[in-house]
Amino acid sequence: MLIPCLACESRFRPDEYFSACSDYNRGLDLVSWTCPRCGNRDDLRVLPGELGFGYPHRGRFDVHDRVRVPGLRRQRGDLRLDISLDRASWHVPSRLRQVA
């Protein structure tokens, strides 16, 4: 299974793809991802069996494009998102946001 970058169309093994996730925004339930090849930054939502790409809009995240990833699972924690596929797993930490 190879997962694409929607900007440059490079394809990545799941370990390389999910290791490039840098921040979990629990409030909007989205993950920040930076392409290891082109440097494009995407916001995405990890859903059961697929990735949802889109944009924050009016206080929520609107999914516009979906990429199927059969067997993909997720578990929300207070300070991270746990992603699993087959026997592999990745942990995406939440960045603590300061209240102004």
Protein backbone atom coordinates (compact mmCIF):
# COMPACT_ATOMS: atom_id res chain seq x y z
CA MET A 1 0.00 0.00 0.00
CA LEU A 2 1.38 3.40 -1.01
CA ILE A 3 -0.20 6.66 0.16
CA PRO A 4 0.08 9.70 -2.15
CA CYS A 5 1.01 13.32 -1.58
CA LEU A 6 -1.82 15.23 -3.25
CA ALA A 7 0.56 18.06 -4.25
CA CYS A 8 3.49 16.28 -5.95
CA GLU A 9 1.88 12.82 -6.41
CA SER A 10 4.83 11.05 -4.76
CA ARG A 11 3.79 7.85 -3.01
CA PHE A 12 4.94 6.67 0.41
CA ARG A 13 4.87 3.49 2.46
CA PRO A 14 2.65 3.93 5.56
CA ASP A 15 5.63 4.16 7.93
CA GLU A 16 7.21 6.99 5.94
CA TYR A 17 3.86 8.74 5.51
CA PHE A 18 2.68 8.65 9.14
CA SER A 19 6.15 9.41 10.49
CA ALA A 20 5.84 12.78 8.69
CA CYS A 21 2.79 13.73 10.80
CA SER A 22 3.79 16.48 13.21
CA ASP A 23 0.83 17.81 15.16
CA TYR A 24 -2.62 16.66 16.25
CA ASN A 25 -5.26 19.35 16.75
CA ARG A 26 -7.79 17.60 18.98
CA GLY A 27 -10.30 20.46 18.78
CA LEU A 28 -10.62 20.19 14.99
CA ASP A 29 -9.62 16.49 14.97
CA LEU A 30 -6.94 17.03 12.33
CA VAL A 31 -3.33 16.08 11.79
CA SER A 32 -0.64 18.24 10.16
CA TRP A 33 1.46 16.41 7.59
CA THR A 34 4.49 17.64 5.62
CA CYS A 35 5.53 15.81 2.45
CA PRO A 36 9.08 14.48 2.80
CA ARG A 37 9.70 15.10 -0.93
CA CYS A 38 8.15 18.46 -1.87
CA GLY A 39 7.64 20.04 1.58
CA ASN A 40 3.92 20.68 1.00
CA ARG A 41 1.95 20.88 4.25
CA ASP A 42 -1.52 19.36 4.42
CA ASP A 43 -4.13 19.14 7.13
CA LEU A 44 -5.91 15.81 7.19
CA ARG A 45 -8.33 13.83 9.25
CA VAL A 46 -7.58 10.18 9.98
CA LEU A 47 -10.81 8.22 9.56
CA PRO A 48 -11.46 4.48 9.79
CA GLY A 49 -10.21 3.09 6.47
CA GLU A 50 -9.34 6.43 4.87
CA LEU A 51 -7.63 9.81 5.08
CA GLY A 52 -9.73 12.94 4.62
CA PHE A 53 -8.06 16.06 3.21
CA GLY A 54 -9.59 19.51 3.48
CA TYR A 55 -9.53 22.89 5.18
CA PRO A 56 -10.58 24.47 8.46
CA HIS A 57 -13.76 26.47 7.79
CA ARG A 58 -16.00 28.29 10.29
CA GLY A 59 -14.60 26.50 13.31
CA ARG A 60 -14.68 23.01 11.83
CA PHE A 61 -12.69 20.91 9.35
CA ASP A 62 -14.35 20.29 5.98
CA VAL A 63 -13.14 17.17 4.16
CA HIS A 64 -12.95 17.67 0.37
CA ASP A 65 -10.83 14.72 -0.81
CA ARG A 66 -10.55 11.17 0.51
CA VAL A 67 -7.85 8.54 0.06
CA ARG A 68 -8.79 4.98 0.98
CA VAL A 69 -6.36 3.16 3.29
CA PRO A 70 -7.96 -0.23 4.03
CA GLY A 71 -7.44 -1.34 7.63
CA LEU A 72 -6.54 2.13 8.93
CA ARG A 73 -7.65 2.69 12.53
CA ARG A 74 -7.41 5.56 15.01
CA GLN A 75 -7.75 6.16 18.73
CA ARG A 76 -8.08 9.67 20.17
CA GLY A 77 -6.29 10.43 23.40
CA ASP A 78 -6.16 13.60 25.48
CA LEU A 79 -2.72 14.59 24.23
CA ARG A 80 -2.25 12.52 21.06
CA LEU A 81 -3.80 10.58 18.22
CA ASP A 82 -2.81 6.93 17.85
CA ILE A 83 -2.89 5.65 14.27
CA SER A 84 -2.62 1.95 13.44
CA LEU A 85 -2.50 -0.08 10.25
CA ASP A 86 -2.01 -3.83 10.27
CA ARG A 87 0.53 -4.42 13.08
CA ALA A 88 2.21 -1.00 12.91
CA SER A 89 1.25 2.06 14.95
CA TRP A 90 2.18 5.74 15.13
CA HIS A 91 1.57 8.37 17.79
CA VAL A 92 0.93 11.99 16.75
CA PRO A 93 1.28 14.34 19.74
CA SER A 94 -0.91 17.36 20.36
CA ARG A 95 0.88 20.66 20.38
CA LEU A 96 -0.08 22.55 23.51
CA ARG A 97 -1.76 25.80 22.55
CA GLN A 98 -1.45 28.85 24.75
CA VAL A 99 -4.58 30.72 25.70
CA ALA A 100 -4.29 34.43 24.96
